[in-house]
């Protein structure tokens, strides 16, 4: 579920989608009173009800760190391997 939410939005509102249960998205927020955050996530996940739960700042930071590390390693899979022309094997 978290992969659908833009990282910038999660960072701005210090909120993370936790799970999707039927037609409700459980959203963990450091500040559950952040109404702008509620509205922003409601737009991204239109058609779903939001169930907001409080999370600590430490939990949020650990989640963002794990998502960032996962994204970086996944993007490296798609990087090409660069081999200098003179180092390439010759097929005869």
N, C-alpha and C. Protein backbone atom coordinates (compact mmCIF):
# COMPACT_ATOMS: atom_id res chain seq x y z
N UNK A 1 0.83 -1.19 0.00
CA UNK A 1 0.00 0.00 0.00
C UNK A 1 0.87 1.25 0.00
N UNK A 2 1.97 1.22 0.75
CA UNK A 2 2.81 2.41 0.87
C UNK A 2 3.44 2.80 -0.46
N UNK A 3 3.62 1.85 -1.36
CA UNK A 3 4.29 2.16 -2.62
C UNK A 3 3.47 3.06 -3.52
N UNK A 4 2.17 3.18 -3.26
CA UNK A 4 1.31 4.05 -4.06
C UNK A 4 1.41 5.49 -3.58
N UNK A 5 1.72 5.68 -2.32
CA UNK A 5 1.78 7.03 -1.75
C UNK A 5 3.10 7.70 -2.11
N UNK A 6 3.04 8.93 -2.61
CA UNK A 6 4.28 9.65 -2.92
C UNK A 6 5.11 9.89 -1.65
N UNK A 7 6.41 9.66 -1.76
CA UNK A 7 7.29 9.84 -0.60
C UNK A 7 7.24 11.27 -0.08
N UNK A 8 7.17 12.25 -0.98
CA UNK A 8 7.11 13.65 -0.56
C UNK A 8 5.88 13.92 0.30
N UNK A 9 4.76 13.30 -0.05
CA UNK A 9 3.54 13.46 0.72
C UNK A 9 3.69 12.84 2.10
N UNK A 10 4.28 11.65 2.14
CA UNK A 10 4.49 10.99 3.44
C UNK A 10 5.40 11.84 4.33
N UNK A 11 6.47 12.38 3.75
CA UNK A 11 7.39 13.20 4.53
C UNK A 11 6.73 14.50 4.99
N UNK A 12 5.99 15.15 4.10
CA UNK A 12 5.37 16.44 4.43
C UNK A 12 4.41 16.31 5.61
N UNK A 13 3.61 15.25 5.61
CA UNK A 13 2.60 15.09 6.65
C UNK A 13 3.00 14.07 7.72
N UNK A 14 4.22 13.53 7.58
CA UNK A 14 4.73 12.55 8.54
C UNK A 14 3.68 11.47 8.78
N UNK A 15 3.28 10.87 7.65
CA UNK A 15 2.24 9.86 7.67
C UNK A 15 2.60 8.72 6.72
N UNK A 16 2.17 7.51 7.08
CA UNK A 16 2.45 6.35 6.24
C UNK A 16 1.21 5.45 6.16
N UNK A 17 0.89 4.97 4.96
CA UNK A 17 -0.18 3.98 4.84
C UNK A 17 0.30 2.67 5.45
N UNK A 18 -0.48 2.12 6.36
CA UNK A 18 -0.08 0.90 7.06
C UNK A 18 -0.70 -0.34 6.43
N UNK A 19 -2.00 -0.27 6.19
CA UNK A 19 -2.66 -1.45 5.63
C UNK A 19 -3.97 -1.03 4.95
N UNK A 20 -4.46 -1.96 4.15
CA UNK A 20 -5.73 -1.76 3.46
C UNK A 20 -6.64 -2.90 3.88
N UNK A 21 -7.74 -2.56 4.52
CA UNK A 21 -8.70 -3.56 5.00
C UNK A 21 -10.06 -3.22 4.42
N UNK A 22 -10.52 -4.07 3.54
CA UNK A 22 -11.77 -3.85 2.82
C UNK A 22 -11.71 -2.52 2.10
N UNK A 23 -12.52 -1.55 2.51
CA UNK A 23 -12.53 -0.25 1.84
C UNK A 23 -11.97 0.85 2.74
N UNK A 24 -11.09 0.47 3.66
CA UNK A 24 -10.53 1.43 4.60
C UNK A 24 -9.01 1.33 4.59
N UNK A 25 -8.38 2.47 4.52
CA UNK A 25 -6.92 2.56 4.58
C UNK A 25 -6.53 2.95 5.99
N UNK A 26 -5.69 2.12 6.63
CA UNK A 26 -5.16 2.49 7.94
C UNK A 26 -3.94 3.36 7.70
N UNK A 27 -4.01 4.59 8.19
CA UNK A 27 -2.96 5.59 7.97
C UNK A 27 -2.33 5.94 9.30
N UNK A 28 -1.03 5.68 9.43
CA UNK A 28 -0.31 6.06 10.64
C UNK A 28 0.22 7.47 10.50
N UNK A 29 -0.09 8.32 11.48
CA UNK A 29 0.35 9.72 11.43
C UNK A 29 1.00 10.12 12.74
N UNK A 30 2.10 10.85 12.63
CA UNK A 30 2.75 11.38 13.82
C UNK A 30 1.82 12.40 14.48
N UNK A 31 1.11 13.18 13.66
CA UNK A 31 0.12 14.14 14.16
C UNK A 31 -1.24 13.79 13.58
N UNK A 32 -2.01 12.96 14.28
CA UNK A 32 -3.31 12.54 13.76
C UNK A 32 -4.31 13.69 13.60
N UNK A 33 -3.99 14.85 14.15
CA UNK A 33 -4.86 16.02 14.04
C UNK A 33 -4.60 16.83 12.76
N UNK A 34 -3.63 16.42 11.96
CA UNK A 34 -3.24 17.14 10.73
C UNK A 34 -4.32 16.97 9.66
N UNK A 35 -5.27 17.90 9.62
CA UNK A 35 -6.39 17.79 8.68
C UNK A 35 -5.94 17.93 7.23
N UNK A 36 -4.92 18.73 6.98
CA UNK A 36 -4.40 18.84 5.61
C UNK A 36 -3.84 17.50 5.15
N UNK A 37 -3.21 16.79 6.07
CA UNK A 37 -2.70 15.46 5.75
C UNK A 37 -3.83 14.48 5.45
N UNK A 38 -4.90 14.56 6.23
CA UNK A 38 -6.07 13.70 5.98
C UNK A 38 -6.58 13.94 4.56
N UNK A 39 -6.74 15.21 4.21
CA UNK A 39 -7.28 15.57 2.89
C UNK A 39 -6.34 15.12 1.77
N UNK A 40 -5.05 15.32 1.96
CA UNK A 40 -4.08 14.95 0.91
C UNK A 40 -4.11 13.44 0.66
N UNK A 41 -4.13 12.65 1.73
CA UNK A 41 -4.16 11.19 1.56
C UNK A 41 -5.51 10.73 1.02
N UNK A 42 -6.58 11.43 1.40
CA UNK A 42 -7.91 11.08 0.88
C UNK A 42 -7.95 11.28 -0.64
N UNK A 43 -7.22 12.28 -1.14
CA UNK A 43 -7.16 12.50 -2.59
C UNK A 43 -6.37 11.39 -3.28
N UNK A 44 -5.25 11.01 -2.72
CA UNK A 44 -4.41 9.97 -3.32
C UNK A 44 -5.14 8.62 -3.30
N UNK A 45 -5.82 8.34 -2.20
CA UNK A 45 -6.53 7.08 -2.04
C UNK A 45 -8.05 7.32 -2.11
N UNK A 46 -8.48 7.97 -3.18
CA UNK A 46 -9.89 8.29 -3.31
C UNK A 46 -10.72 7.01 -3.34
N UNK A 47 -11.90 7.09 -2.77
CA UNK A 47 -12.78 5.93 -2.73
C UNK A 47 -12.57 5.07 -1.49
N UNK A 48 -11.56 5.37 -0.70
CA UNK A 48 -11.31 4.62 0.52
C UNK A 48 -11.57 5.49 1.74
N UNK A 49 -12.05 4.87 2.79
CA UNK A 49 -12.18 5.59 4.07
C UNK A 49 -10.81 5.56 4.75
N UNK A 50 -10.49 6.60 5.48
CA UNK A 50 -9.23 6.64 6.22
C UNK A 50 -9.49 6.29 7.67
N UNK A 51 -8.69 5.39 8.21
CA UNK A 51 -8.67 5.09 9.63
C UNK A 51 -7.31 5.55 10.13
N UNK A 52 -7.29 6.68 10.81
CA UNK A 52 -6.03 7.28 11.24
C UNK A 52 -5.66 6.75 12.63
N UNK A 53 -4.40 6.33 12.74
CA UNK A 53 -3.85 5.90 14.02
C UNK A 53 -2.58 6.69 14.29
N UNK A 54 -2.30 6.90 15.56
CA UNK A 54 -1.09 7.64 15.94
C UNK A 54 0.13 6.73 15.88
N UNK A 55 1.22 7.27 15.35
CA UNK A 55 2.52 6.59 15.37
C UNK A 55 3.54 7.57 15.95
N UNK A 56 4.61 7.04 16.48
CA UNK A 56 5.65 7.91 17.03
C UNK A 56 6.54 8.45 15.92
N UNK A 57 7.24 9.51 16.21
CA UNK A 57 8.19 10.07 15.24
C UNK A 57 9.27 9.05 14.92
N UNK A 58 9.69 8.26 15.91
CA UNK A 58 10.71 7.23 15.67
C UNK A 58 10.19 6.16 14.72
N UNK A 59 8.94 5.73 14.90
CA UNK A 59 8.36 4.74 13.99
C UNK A 59 8.30 5.28 12.56
N UNK A 60 7.91 6.55 12.43
CA UNK A 60 7.85 7.17 11.12
C UNK A 60 9.23 7.19 10.47
N UNK A 61 10.23 7.63 11.20
CA UNK A 61 11.60 7.72 10.67
C UNK A 61 12.14 6.35 10.27
N UNK A 62 11.88 5.33 11.07
CA UNK A 62 12.32 3.97 10.72
C UNK A 62 11.65 3.50 9.44
N UNK A 63 10.37 3.78 9.30
CA UNK A 63 9.64 3.36 8.10
C UNK A 63 10.21 4.07 6.87
N UNK A 64 10.38 5.39 6.94
CA UNK A 64 10.90 6.16 5.80
C UNK A 64 12.30 5.67 5.44
N UNK A 65 13.13 5.40 6.45
CA UNK A 65 14.49 4.91 6.18
C UNK A 65 14.44 3.57 5.46
N UNK A 66 13.52 2.68 5.86
CA UNK A 66 13.44 1.37 5.22
C UNK A 66 12.91 1.50 3.79
N UNK A 67 11.95 2.38 3.58
CA UNK A 67 11.40 2.58 2.23
C UNK A 67 12.45 3.18 1.32
N UNK A 68 13.20 4.15 1.82
CA UNK A 68 14.25 4.79 1.02
C UNK A 68 15.32 3.77 0.66
N UNK A 69 15.74 2.94 1.61
CA UNK A 69 16.77 1.92 1.34
C UNK A 69 16.26 0.92 0.31
N UNK A 70 15.00 0.53 0.43
CA UNK A 70 14.41 -0.42 -0.51
C UNK A 70 14.34 0.17 -1.91
N UNK A 71 13.96 1.44 -2.00
CA UNK A 71 13.84 2.12 -3.29
C UNK A 71 15.21 2.25 -3.95
N UNK A 72 16.23 2.59 -3.16
CA UNK A 72 17.57 2.75 -3.71
C UNK A 72 18.08 1.41 -4.24
N UNK A 73 17.92 0.34 -3.48
CA UNK A 73 18.43 -0.95 -3.96
C UNK A 73 17.64 -1.43 -5.16
N UNK A 74 16.34 -1.16 -5.22
CA UNK A 74 15.54 -1.56 -6.38
C UNK A 74 15.95 -0.77 -7.61
N UNK A 75 16.28 0.50 -7.45
CA UNK A 75 16.68 1.30 -8.61
C UNK A 75 18.04 0.86 -9.13
N UNK A 76 18.90 0.34 -8.27
CA UNK A 76 20.22 -0.13 -8.72
C UNK A 76 20.11 -1.36 -9.60
N UNK A 77 19.05 -2.13 -9.41
CA UNK A 77 18.85 -3.31 -10.25
C UNK A 77 18.70 -2.88 -11.71
N UNK A 78 18.09 -1.73 -11.92
CA UNK A 78 17.82 -1.25 -13.27
C UNK A 78 18.99 -0.49 -13.89
N UNK A 79 20.05 -0.25 -13.13
CA UNK A 79 21.19 0.47 -13.68
C UNK A 79 21.94 -0.44 -14.66
N UNK A 80 22.38 0.14 -15.75
CA UNK A 80 23.15 -0.64 -16.73
C UNK A 80 24.57 -0.83 -16.28
N UNK A 81 25.21 -1.82 -16.81
CA UNK A 81 26.62 -2.05 -16.52
C UNK A 81 27.41 -1.41 -17.63
N UNK A 82 28.33 -0.56 -17.24
CA UNK A 82 29.12 0.16 -18.23
C UNK A 82 30.49 -0.50 -18.37
N UNK A 83 30.81 -0.90 -19.59
CA UNK A 83 32.10 -1.53 -19.87
C UNK A 83 32.78 -0.72 -20.97
N UNK A 84 33.98 -0.33 -20.72
CA UNK A 84 34.73 0.44 -21.72
C UNK A 84 34.85 -0.37 -23.00
N UNK A 85 34.82 0.30 -24.15
CA UNK A 85 34.86 -0.38 -25.46
C UNK A 85 36.09 -1.28 -25.60
N UNK A 86 37.25 -0.83 -25.11
CA UNK A 86 38.47 -1.63 -25.28
C UNK A 86 38.51 -2.82 -24.30
N UNK A 87 37.60 -2.86 -23.32
CA UNK A 87 37.56 -3.95 -22.37
C UNK A 87 36.53 -5.01 -22.75
N UNK A 88 35.73 -4.72 -23.76
CA UNK A 88 34.69 -5.66 -24.17
C UNK A 88 35.30 -6.84 -24.92
N UNK A 89 34.74 -8.04 -24.71
CA UNK A 89 35.25 -9.21 -25.43
C UNK A 89 34.95 -9.09 -26.93
N UNK A 90 35.82 -9.63 -27.72
CA UNK A 90 35.64 -9.62 -29.18
C UNK A 90 35.10 -10.96 -29.62
N UNK A 91 34.04 -10.91 -30.40
CA UNK A 91 33.46 -12.16 -30.91
C UNK A 91 33.96 -12.34 -32.35
N UNK A 92 34.60 -13.48 -32.61
CA UNK A 92 35.13 -13.74 -33.95
C UNK A 92 34.47 -14.91 -34.61
